Amino acid sequence: MSNSFSGSLSGVKSGSGEDVTVSPAAIRLLLLLRGSEPEGLGRTEQVTYMLETAIAMGILGEGERLPRESVFSAELGISSITLRQALNTLRLKGVITTSRGRSGGSVVQKPKEPSAEEIRHKLLQTSTEDLRDLWDHCAAVAAASAKLAAQRADEQDLKYLNGLAERFNLSATAQERRRADTRFHVTVGVAAQSSRLTASMLQIQAELSGFLWTDHEDVFAIAEASREHAYILQCIAEHDAPAAASAAELHSSSEMERVIKQRLQMLMMSEEDA
């Protein structure tokens, strides 16, 4: 890719079977998540949230080895004690495993998939107004990112985006689909060569990805998202900035309508069961 985030969000491991150290590009994306955590968290909780979110989104991939604590804490701009406490929390959650010794260290594990009940609870606890506000923000950032990507993306960007779109199409589980979807939209921001837009989309995806793609998702919704991804890519490849912006905005609106519809259906079912 054409900027400093090249190589991140790839989710690719070496063919040797050995753990791969987290890339500098992934660290840069990780740092862009700062500020996305809920209000009222202490410093250690903020770092824990940031790392756990990065793992859930695929920024830190399964099997990747985290840098040594002294190096990692310096890269994150925090104390070694704060990082150590955050990593201990992640170990207790099974998000990372740590081995001792010269070749030891912390390795990212497969993230836990939220249960259908957890997704349902989160959706019911979020008002329709808050969902609209979140997706309005998403639509604005997605449109700006797609517009600039149409003006600035190179062949490597397009090839990588096509690969992510195909990964979404071939996803066999909700988790795979959710992570491919997240990577696709964040990478449009990367292709736009705007660190601010990339940071904004990362933080937005950290909030809304938990509402998207369950194991019981309508196959028509998946097919619709695939078509919309393809059209966004087509507009970017044709360097049609206005059309790319419009396509990205339409895609965000489709997602919003689908999630709000799901919430209303859940509310109706809850009232019937009461």
C-alpha atoms as a PDB file:
ATOM      1  CA  MET A   1       0.000   0.000   0.000  1.00  0.00           C
ATOM      2  CA  SER A   2       0.944   3.588  -0.401  1.00  0.00           C
ATOM      3  CA  ASN A   3       1.323   4.715   3.202  1.00  0.00           C
ATOM      4  CA  SER A   4       2.568   3.896   6.692  1.00  0.00           C
ATOM      5  CA  PHE A   5      -0.269   1.457   7.444  1.00  0.00           C
ATOM      6  CA  SER A   6       0.869  -0.997   4.761  1.00  0.00           C
ATOM      7  CA  GLY A   7       0.832  -4.592   5.938  1.00  0.00           C
ATOM      8  CA  SER A   8      -1.640  -4.153   8.780  1.00  0.00           C
ATOM      9  CA  LEU A   9      -4.975  -5.931   9.070  1.00  0.00           C
ATOM     10  CA  SER A  10      -3.715  -8.671   6.798  1.00  0.00           C
ATOM     11  CA  GLY A  11      -4.253 -11.519   9.228  1.00  0.00           C
ATOM     12  CA  VAL A  12      -1.540 -13.472   7.389  1.00  0.00           C
ATOM     13  CA  LYS A  13       0.784 -15.813   9.298  1.00  0.00           C
ATOM     14  CA  SER A  14       4.044 -17.299   8.140  1.00  0.00           C
ATOM     15  CA  GLY A  15       4.055 -20.665   6.488  1.00  0.00           C
ATOM     16  CA  SER A  16       6.674 -21.991   8.914  1.00  0.00           C
ATOM     17  CA  GLY A  17       4.168 -22.403  11.734  1.00  0.00           C
ATOM     18  CA  GLU A  18       6.130 -19.992  13.920  1.00  0.00           C
ATOM     19  CA  ASP A  19       4.532 -17.044  15.655  1.00  0.00           C
ATOM     20  CA  VAL A  20       4.743 -13.750  13.787  1.00  0.00           C
ATOM     21  CA  THR A  21       5.622 -10.588  15.683  1.00  0.00           C
ATOM     22  CA  VAL A  22       3.001  -7.841  15.460  1.00  0.00           C
ATOM     23  CA  SER A  23       3.967  -5.489  12.624  1.00  0.00           C
ATOM     24  CA  PRO A  24       4.835  -1.790  13.088  1.00  0.00           C
ATOM     25  CA  ALA A  25       1.865  -0.964  10.839  1.00  0.00           C
ATOM     26  CA  ALA A  26      -0.478  -2.827  13.205  1.00  0.00           C
ATOM     27  CA  ILE A  27       0.970  -0.891  16.148  1.00  0.00           C
ATOM     28  CA  ARG A  28       0.205   2.368  14.344  1.00  0.00           C
ATOM     29  CA  LEU A  29      -3.391   1.276  13.777  1.00  0.00           C
ATOM     30  CA  LEU A  30      -3.624   0.151  17.400  1.00  0.00           C
ATOM     31  CA  LEU A  31      -2.608   3.628  18.552  1.00  0.00           C
ATOM     32  CA  LEU A  32      -5.424   5.130  16.471  1.00  0.00           C
ATOM     33  CA  LEU A  33      -7.904   3.320  18.732  1.00  0.00           C
ATOM     34  CA  ARG A  34      -6.958   5.533  21.658  1.00  0.00           C
ATOM     35  CA  GLY A  35      -9.969   7.567  22.671  1.00  0.00           C
ATOM     36  CA  SER A  36     -12.517   4.962  21.546  1.00  0.00           C
ATOM     37  CA  GLU A  37     -12.917   3.435  25.007  1.00  0.00           C
ATOM     38  CA  PRO A  38     -16.060   4.069  27.108  1.00  0.00           C
ATOM     39  CA  GLU A  39     -15.953   6.962  29.547  1.00  0.00           C
ATOM     40  CA  GLY A  40     -15.051   6.392  33.183  1.00  0.00           C
ATOM     41  CA  LEU A  41     -12.360   3.739  32.717  1.00  0.00           C
ATOM     42  CA  GLY A  42      -9.067   3.856  34.601  1.00  0.00           C
ATOM     43  CA  ARG A  43      -5.755   3.871  32.736  1.00  0.00           C
ATOM     44  CA  THR A  44      -5.230   0.102  32.929  1.00  0.00           C
ATOM     45  CA  GLU A  45      -8.833  -0.536  31.863  1.00  0.00           C
ATOM     46  CA  GLN A  46      -8.378   1.822  28.898  1.00  0.00           C
ATOM     47  CA  VAL A  47      -5.316  -0.101  27.713  1.00  0.00           C
ATOM     48  CA  THR A  48      -7.099  -3.427  28.254  1.00  0.00           C
ATOM     49  CA  TYR A  49     -10.073  -2.215  26.211  1.00  0.00           C
ATOM     50  CA  MET A  50      -7.831  -0.924  23.427  1.00  0.00           C
ATOM     51  CA  LEU A  51      -5.892  -4.200  23.130  1.00  0.00           C
ATOM     52  CA  GLU A  52      -8.983  -6.404  23.385  1.00  0.00           C
ATOM     53  CA  THR A  53     -10.768  -4.326  20.735  1.00  0.00           C
ATOM     54  CA  ALA A  54      -7.741  -4.517  18.434  1.00  0.00           C
ATOM     55  CA  ILE A  55      -7.725  -8.305  18.775  1.00  0.00           C
ATOM     56  CA  ALA A  56     -11.473  -8.564  18.130  1.00  0.00           C
ATOM     57  CA  MET A  57     -11.113  -6.404  15.007  1.00  0.00           C
ATOM     58  CA  GLY A  58      -8.145  -8.359  13.679  1.00  0.00           C
ATOM     59  CA  ILE A  59      -5.591  -5.568  14.022  1.00  0.00           C
ATOM     60  CA  LEU A  60      -3.675  -7.919  16.315  1.00  0.00           C
ATOM     61  CA  GLY A  61      -4.147 -11.316  14.691  1.00  0.00           C
ATOM     62  CA  GLU A  62      -4.391 -14.794  16.135  1.00  0.00           C
ATOM     63  CA  GLY A  63      -0.931 -16.306  16.584  1.00  0.00           C
ATOM     64  CA  GLU A  64       0.899 -12.980  16.487  1.00  0.00           C
ATOM     65  CA  ARG A  65       3.489 -12.380  19.192  1.00  0.00           C
ATOM     66  CA  LEU A  66       3.361  -9.081  21.056  1.00  0.00           C
ATOM     67  CA  PRO A  67       6.607  -7.108  21.450  1.00  0.00           C
ATOM     68  CA  ARG A  68       8.544  -7.399  24.727  1.00  0.00           C
ATOM     69  CA  GLU A  69       6.839  -5.500  27.536  1.00  0.00           C
ATOM     70  CA  SER A  70       9.549  -2.826  27.715  1.00  0.00           C
ATOM     71  CA  VAL A  71       9.338  -2.224  23.955  1.00  0.00           C
ATOM     72  CA  PHE A  72       5.540  -2.492  23.730  1.00  0.00           C
ATOM     73  CA  SER A  73       4.918  -0.089  26.625  1.00  0.00           C
ATOM     74  CA  ALA A  74       7.255   2.466  25.030  1.00  0.00           C
ATOM     75  CA  GLU A  75       5.451   2.110  21.678  1.00  0.00           C
ATOM     76  CA  LEU A  76       2.095   2.652  23.394  1.00  0.00           C
ATOM     77  CA  GLY A  77       3.387   5.529  25.510  1.00  0.00           C
ATOM     78  CA  ILE A  78       2.435   3.918  28.818  1.00  0.00           C
ATOM     79  CA  SER A  79       4.303   2.551  31.829  1.00  0.00           C
ATOM     80  CA  SER A  80       5.454  -1.068  31.944  1.00  0.00           C
ATOM     81  CA  ILE A  81       3.343  -1.576  35.075  1.00  0.00           C
ATOM     82  CA  THR A  82       0.161  -0.413  33.320  1.00  0.00           C
ATOM     83  CA  LEU A  83       0.850  -2.687  30.348  1.00  0.00           C
ATOM     84  CA  ARG A  84       1.661  -5.644  32.600  1.00  0.00           C
ATOM     85  CA  GLN A  85      -1.636  -5.214  34.461  1.00  0.00           C
ATOM     86  CA  ALA A  86      -3.575  -4.979  31.190  1.00  0.00           C
ATOM     87  CA  LEU A  87      -1.876  -8.087  29.794  1.00  0.00           C
ATOM     88  CA  ASN A  88      -2.653  -9.983  32.989  1.00  0.00           C
ATOM     89  CA  THR A  89      -6.350  -9.152  32.552  1.00  0.00           C
ATOM     90  CA  LEU A  90      -6.216 -10.353  28.945  1.00  0.00           C
ATOM     91  CA  ARG A  91      -4.531 -13.593  30.066  1.00  0.00           C
ATOM     92  CA  LEU A  92      -7.312 -14.229  32.565  1.00  0.00           C
ATOM     93  CA  LYS A  93      -9.826 -13.736  29.753  1.00  0.00           C
ATOM     94  CA  GLY A  94      -7.932 -16.148  27.523  1.00  0.00           C
ATOM     95  CA  VAL A  95      -7.285 -13.452  24.918  1.00  0.00           C
ATOM     96  CA  ILE A  96      -3.509 -13.967  25.086  1.00  0.00           C
ATOM     97  CA  THR A  97      -1.200 -16.663  26.422  1.00  0.00           C
ATOM     98  CA  THR A  98       2.223 -15.991  27.892  1.00  0.00           C
ATOM     99  CA  SER A  99       5.237 -18.264  28.171  1.00  0.00           C
ATOM    100  CA  ARG A 100       8.433 -17.587  30.076  1.00  0.00           C
ATOM    101  CA  GLY A 101      12.027 -18.003  29.054  1.00  0.00           C
ATOM    102  CA  ARG A 102      14.287 -16.643  26.361  1.00  0.00           C
ATOM    103  CA  SER A 103      11.873 -17.446  23.540  1.00  0.00           C
ATOM    104  CA  GLY A 104       8.788 -16.637  25.603  1.00  0.00           C
ATOM    105  CA  GLY A 105       6.340 -13.801  25.320  1.00  0.00           C
ATOM    106  CA  SER A 106       2.648 -13.085  24.861  1.00  0.00           C
ATOM    107  CA  VAL A 107       0.809 -14.522  21.857  1.00  0.00           C
ATOM    108  CA  VAL A 108      -2.644 -13.457  20.644  1.00  0.00           C
ATOM    109  CA  GLN A 109      -5.327 -16.158  20.794  1.00  0.00           C
ATOM    110  CA  LYS A 110      -8.486 -16.545  18.741  1.00  0.00           C
ATOM    111  CA  PRO A 111     -10.906 -13.897  20.027  1.00  0.00           C
ATOM    112  CA  LYS A 112     -14.035 -15.034  21.811  1.00  0.00           C
ATOM    113  CA  GLU A 113     -17.118 -14.811  19.641  1.00  0.00           C
ATOM    114  CA  PRO A 114     -19.928 -12.823  21.326  1.00  0.00           C
ATOM    115  CA  SER A 115     -22.964 -14.990  21.947  1.00  0.00           C
ATOM    116  CA  ALA A 116     -26.304 -14.292  20.289  1.00  0.00           C
ATOM    117  CA  GLU A 117     -27.627 -13.278  23.708  1.00  0.00           C
ATOM    118  CA  GLU A 118     -24.779 -10.786  24.230  1.00  0.00           C
ATOM    119  CA  ILE A 119     -25.440  -9.207  20.827  1.00  0.00           C
ATOM    120  CA  ARG A 120     -29.166  -9.130  21.559  1.00  0.00           C
ATOM    121  CA  HIS A 121     -28.594  -7.485  24.955  1.00  0.00           C
ATOM    122  CA  LYS A 122     -26.266  -4.862  23.497  1.00  0.00           C
ATOM    123  CA  LEU A 123     -28.720  -4.024  20.730  1.00  0.00           C
ATOM    124  CA  LEU A 124     -31.683  -3.735  23.096  1.00  0.00           C
ATOM    125  CA  GLN A 125     -29.674  -1.502  25.444  1.00  0.00           C
ATOM    126  CA  THR A 126     -28.877   0.926  22.605  1.00  0.00           C
ATOM    127  CA  SER A 127     -31.629   3.327  21.580  1.00  0.00           C
ATOM    128  CA  THR A 128     -32.729   3.765  17.976  1.00  0.00           C
ATOM    129  CA  GLU A 129     -31.614   7.399  18.210  1.00  0.00           C
ATOM    130  CA  ASP A 130     -28.106   6.366  19.295  1.00  0.00           C
ATOM    131  CA  LEU A 131     -27.913   3.819  16.478  1.00  0.00           C
ATOM    132  CA  ARG A 132     -28.905   6.462  13.931  1.00  0.00           C
ATOM    133  CA  ASP A 133     -26.360   8.880  15.358  1.00  0.00           C
ATOM    134  CA  LEU A 134     -23.601   6.270  15.165  1.00  0.00           C
ATOM    135  CA  TRP A 135     -24.407   5.309  11.582  1.00  0.00           C
ATOM    136  CA  ASP A 136     -24.792   8.941  10.507  1.00  0.00           C
ATOM    137  CA  HIS A 137     -21.223   9.440  11.695  1.00  0.00           C
ATOM    138  CA  CYS A 138     -20.172   6.240   9.933  1.00  0.00           C
ATOM    139  CA  ALA A 139     -21.810   7.339   6.664  1.00  0.00           C
ATOM    140  CA  ALA A 140     -20.035  10.700   6.724  1.00  0.00           C
ATOM    141  CA  VAL A 141     -16.609   9.166   7.382  1.00  0.00           C
ATOM    142  CA  ALA A 142     -17.158   6.299   4.921  1.00  0.00           C
ATOM    143  CA  ALA A 143     -18.205   8.708   2.165  1.00  0.00           C
ATOM    144  CA  ALA A 144     -15.188  10.963   2.713  1.00  0.00           C
ATOM    145  CA  SER A 145     -12.851   7.952   2.804  1.00  0.00           C
ATOM    146  CA  ALA A 146     -14.247   6.443  -0.396  1.00  0.00           C
ATOM    147  CA  LYS A 147     -14.108   9.792  -2.178  1.00  0.00           C
ATOM    148  CA  LEU A 148     -10.420  10.269  -1.362  1.00  0.00           C
ATOM    149  CA  ALA A 149      -9.633   6.612  -2.055  1.00  0.00           C
ATOM    150  CA  ALA A 150     -11.038   7.068  -5.564  1.00  0.00           C
ATOM    151  CA  GLN A 151      -8.592   9.924  -6.031  1.00  0.00           C
ATOM    152  CA  ARG A 152      -5.542   8.406  -4.331  1.00  0.00           C
ATOM    153  CA  ALA A 153      -5.676   4.591  -4.261  1.00  0.00           C
ATOM    154  CA  ASP A 154      -3.021   2.691  -6.209  1.00  0.00           C
ATOM    155  CA  GLU A 155      -3.070  -0.811  -7.702  1.00  0.00           C
ATOM    156  CA  GLN A 156      -1.818  -2.384  -4.479  1.00  0.00           C
ATOM    157  CA  ASP A 157      -4.656  -0.752  -2.519  1.00  0.00           C
ATOM    158  CA  LEU A 158      -7.224  -2.026  -5.021  1.00  0.00           C
ATOM    159  CA  LYS A 159      -5.790  -5.543  -4.995  1.00  0.00           C
ATOM    160  CA  TYR A 160      -5.875  -5.682  -1.204  1.00  0.00           C
ATOM    161  CA  LEU A 161      -9.428  -4.280  -1.028  1.00  0.00           C
ATOM    162  CA  ASN A 162     -10.593  -6.846  -3.582  1.00  0.00           C
ATOM    163  CA  GLY A 163      -9.051  -9.577  -1.449  1.00  0.00           C
ATOM    164  CA  LEU A 164     -10.897  -8.349   1.636  1.00  0.00           C
ATOM    165  CA  ALA A 165     -14.193  -8.154  -0.257  1.00  0.00           C
ATOM    166  CA  GLU A 166     -13.670 -11.726  -1.433  1.00  0.00           C
ATOM    167  CA  ARG A 167     -12.817 -12.813   2.109  1.00  0.00           C
ATOM    168  CA  PHE A 168     -16.146 -11.352   3.242  1.00  0.00           C
ATOM    169  CA  ASN A 169     -17.967 -13.240   0.477  1.00  0.00           C
ATOM    170  CA  LEU A 170     -16.332 -16.543   1.448  1.00  0.00           C
ATOM    171  CA  SER A 171     -16.700 -16.139   5.227  1.00  0.00           C
ATOM    172  CA  ALA A 172     -18.077 -19.295   6.818  1.00  0.00           C
ATOM    173  CA  THR A 173     -18.818 -17.850  10.268  1.00  0.00           C
ATOM    174  CA  ALA A 174     -20.218 -14.636  11.691  1.00  0.00           C
ATOM    175  CA  GLN A 175     -16.842 -13.832  13.260  1.00  0.00           C
ATOM    176  CA  GLU A 176     -15.004 -14.191   9.953  1.00  0.00           C
ATOM    177  CA  ARG A 177     -17.641 -12.066   8.224  1.00  0.00           C
ATOM    178  CA  ARG A 178     -17.514  -9.363  10.888  1.00  0.00           C
ATOM    179  CA  ARG A 179     -13.722  -9.102  10.814  1.00  0.00           C
ATOM    180  CA  ALA A 180     -13.555  -9.068   7.003  1.00  0.00           C
ATOM    181  CA  ASP A 181     -16.209  -6.351   6.921  1.00  0.00           C
ATOM    182  CA  THR A 182     -14.319  -4.270   9.485  1.00  0.00           C
ATOM    183  CA  ARG A 183     -11.024  -4.662   7.633  1.00  0.00           C
ATOM    184  CA  PHE A 184     -12.625  -3.672   4.340  1.00  0.00           C
ATOM    185  CA  HIS A 185     -14.000  -0.387   5.654  1.00  0.00           C
ATOM    186  CA  VAL A 186     -10.880   0.528   7.623  1.00  0.00           C
ATOM    187  CA  THR A 187      -8.726  -0.228   4.590  1.00  0.00           C
ATOM    188  CA  VAL A 188     -10.763   2.173   2.443  1.00  0.00           C
ATOM    189  CA  GLY A 189      -9.615   4.825   4.933  1.00  0.00           C
ATOM    190  CA  VAL A 190      -6.040   3.588   4.573  1.00  0.00           C
ATOM    191  CA  ALA A 191      -6.350   3.802   0.766  1.00  0.00           C
ATOM    192  CA  ALA A 192      -7.577   7.388   1.186  1.00  0.00           C
ATOM    193  CA  GLN A 193      -4.142   8.135   2.690  1.00  0.00           C
ATOM    194  CA  SER A 194      -5.711   9.985   5.600  1.00  0.00           C
ATOM    195  CA  SER A 195      -4.649   9.012   9.119  1.00  0.00           C
ATOM    196  CA  ARG A 196      -7.522  11.037  10.611  1.00  0.00           C
ATOM    197  CA  LEU A 197     -10.158   9.286   8.502  1.00  0.00           C
ATOM    198  CA  THR A 198      -8.544   5.922   9.253  1.00  0.00           C
ATOM    199  CA  ALA A 199      -8.602   6.704  12.984  1.00  0.00           C
ATOM    200  CA  SER A 200     -12.235   7.809  12.802  1.00  0.00           C
ATOM    201  CA  MET A 201     -13.300   4.667  10.940  1.00  0.00           C
ATOM    202  CA  LEU A 202     -11.380   2.434  13.349  1.00  0.00           C
ATOM    203  CA  GLN A 203     -13.140   3.991  16.316  1.00  0.00           C
ATOM    204  CA  ILE A 204     -16.525   3.791  14.591  1.00  0.00           C
ATOM    205  CA  GLN A 205     -16.010   0.132  13.685  1.00  0.00           C
ATOM    206  CA  ALA A 206     -14.996  -0.601  17.278  1.00  0.00           C
ATOM    207  CA  GLU A 207     -18.459   0.614  18.308  1.00  0.00           C
ATOM    208  CA  LEU A 208     -20.710  -0.734  15.586  1.00  0.00           C
ATOM    209  CA  SER A 209     -19.092  -4.051  14.617  1.00  0.00           C
ATOM    210  CA  GLY A 210     -20.697  -5.683  17.657  1.00  0.00           C
ATOM    211  CA  PHE A 211     -24.118  -5.030  16.151  1.00  0.00           C
ATOM    212  CA  LEU A 212     -23.333  -6.646  12.801  1.00  0.00           C
ATOM    213  CA  TRP A 213     -23.370 -10.164  11.430  1.00  0.00           C
ATOM    214  CA  THR A 214     -24.749 -12.934  13.618  1.00  0.00           C
ATOM    215  CA  ASP A 215     -24.833 -16.649  12.848  1.00  0.00           C
ATOM    216  CA  HIS A 216     -28.529 -16.268  12.010  1.00  0.00           C
ATOM    217  CA  GLU A 217     -28.014 -13.463   9.504  1.00  0.00           C
ATOM    218  CA  ASP A 218     -30.331 -13.290   6.504  1.00  0.00           C
ATOM    219  CA  VAL A 219     -28.498 -14.597   3.418  1.00  0.00           C
ATOM    220  CA  PHE A 220     -30.091 -11.789   1.426  1.00  0.00           C
ATOM    221  CA  ALA A 221     -28.473  -9.211   3.735  1.00  0.00           C
ATOM    222  CA  ILE A 222     -25.075 -10.849   3.188  1.00  0.00           C
ATOM    223  CA  ALA A 223     -25.590 -10.839  -0.584  1.00  0.00           C
ATOM    224  CA  GLU A 224     -26.664  -7.191  -0.493  1.00  0.00           C
ATOM    225  CA  ALA A 225     -23.550  -6.200   1.471  1.00  0.00           C
ATOM    226  CA  SER A 226     -21.376  -8.116  -1.010  1.00  0.00           C
ATOM    227  CA  ARG A 227     -22.921  -6.237  -3.936  1.00  0.00           C
ATOM    228  CA  GLU A 228     -22.451  -2.907  -2.171  1.00  0.00           C
ATOM    229  CA  HIS A 229     -18.804  -3.673  -1.393  1.00  0.00           C
ATOM    230  CA  ALA A 230     -18.264  -4.550  -5.057  1.00  0.00           C
ATOM    231  CA  TYR A 231     -19.851  -1.303  -6.228  1.00  0.00           C
ATOM    232  CA  ILE A 232     -17.759   0.786  -3.822  1.00  0.00           C
ATOM    233  CA  LEU A 233     -14.668  -0.950  -5.200  1.00  0.00           C
ATOM    234  CA  GLN A 234     -15.787  -0.393  -8.784  1.00  0.00           C
ATOM    235  CA  CYS A 235     -16.213   3.336  -8.180  1.00  0.00           C
ATOM    236  CA  ILE A 236     -12.803   3.588  -6.493  1.00  0.00           C
ATOM    237  CA  ALA A 237     -11.140   1.631  -9.319  1.00  0.00           C
ATOM    238  CA  GLU A 238     -12.767   3.920 -11.906  1.00  0.00           C
ATOM    239  CA  HIS A 239     -11.578   6.978  -9.943  1.00  0.00           C
ATOM    240  CA  ASP A 240     -15.173   8.223  -9.751  1.00  0.00           C
ATOM    241  CA  ALA A 241     -14.979  10.113  -6.457  1.00  0.00           C
ATOM    242  CA  PRO A 242     -18.618  11.352  -6.277  1.00  0.00           C
ATOM    243  CA  ALA A 243     -19.981   7.886  -7.092  1.00  0.00           C
ATOM    244  CA  ALA A 244     -17.641   6.246  -4.551  1.00  0.00           C
ATOM    245  CA  ALA A 245     -18.815   8.627  -1.829  1.00  0.00           C
ATOM    246  CA  SER A 246     -22.457   7.995  -2.714  1.00  0.00           C
ATOM    247  CA  ALA A 247     -21.954   4.209  -2.764  1.00  0.00           C
ATOM    248  CA  ALA A 248     -20.260   4.217   0.652  1.00  0.00           C
ATOM    249  CA  GLU A 249     -22.988   6.398   2.142  1.00  0.00           C
ATOM    250  CA  LEU A 250     -25.705   4.135   0.715  1.00  0.00           C
ATOM    251  CA  HIS A 251     -23.976   1.075   2.174  1.00  0.00           C
ATOM    252  CA  SER A 252     -23.883   2.659   5.640  1.00  0.00           C
ATOM    253  CA  SER A 253     -27.574   3.549   5.356  1.00  0.00           C
ATOM    254  CA  SER A 254     -28.426  -0.047   4.394  1.00  0.00           C
ATOM    255  CA  GLU A 255     -26.544  -1.357   7.429  1.00  0.00           C
ATOM    256  CA  MET A 256     -28.309   1.111   9.706  1.00  0.00           C
ATOM    257  CA  GLU A 257     -31.774   0.202   8.424  1.00  0.00           C
ATOM    258  CA  ARG A 258     -31.061  -3.509   8.847  1.00  0.00           C
ATOM    259  CA  VAL A 259     -29.779  -3.178  12.421  1.00  0.00           C
ATOM    260  CA  ILE A 260     -32.626  -0.882  13.485  1.00  0.00           C
ATOM    261  CA  LYS A 261     -35.122  -3.336  11.965  1.00  0.00           C
ATOM    262  CA  GLN A 262     -33.508  -6.159  13.963  1.00  0.00           C
ATOM    263  CA  ARG A 263     -33.783  -4.099  17.143  1.00  0.00           C
ATOM    264  CA  LEU A 264     -37.470  -3.358  16.578  1.00  0.00           C
ATOM    265  CA  GLN A 265     -38.160  -7.047  15.936  1.00  0.00           C
ATOM    266  CA  MET A 266     -36.371  -7.936  19.182  1.00  0.00           C
ATOM    267  CA  LEU A 267     -38.424  -5.375  21.089  1.00  0.00           C
ATOM    268  CA  MET A 268     -41.664  -6.794  19.683  1.00  0.00           C
ATOM    269  CA  MET A 269     -40.627 -10.329  20.643  1.00  0.00           C
ATOM    270  CA  SER A 270     -39.692  -9.169  24.155  1.00  0.00           C
ATOM    271  CA  GLU A 271     -43.104  -7.553  24.575  1.00  0.00           C
ATOM    272  CA  GLU A 272     -44.851 -10.715  23.372  1.00  0.00           C
ATOM    273  CA  ASP A 273     -42.883 -12.836  25.858  1.00  0.00           C
ATOM    274  CA  ALA A 274     -43.662 -10.462  28.739  1.00  0.00           C
END
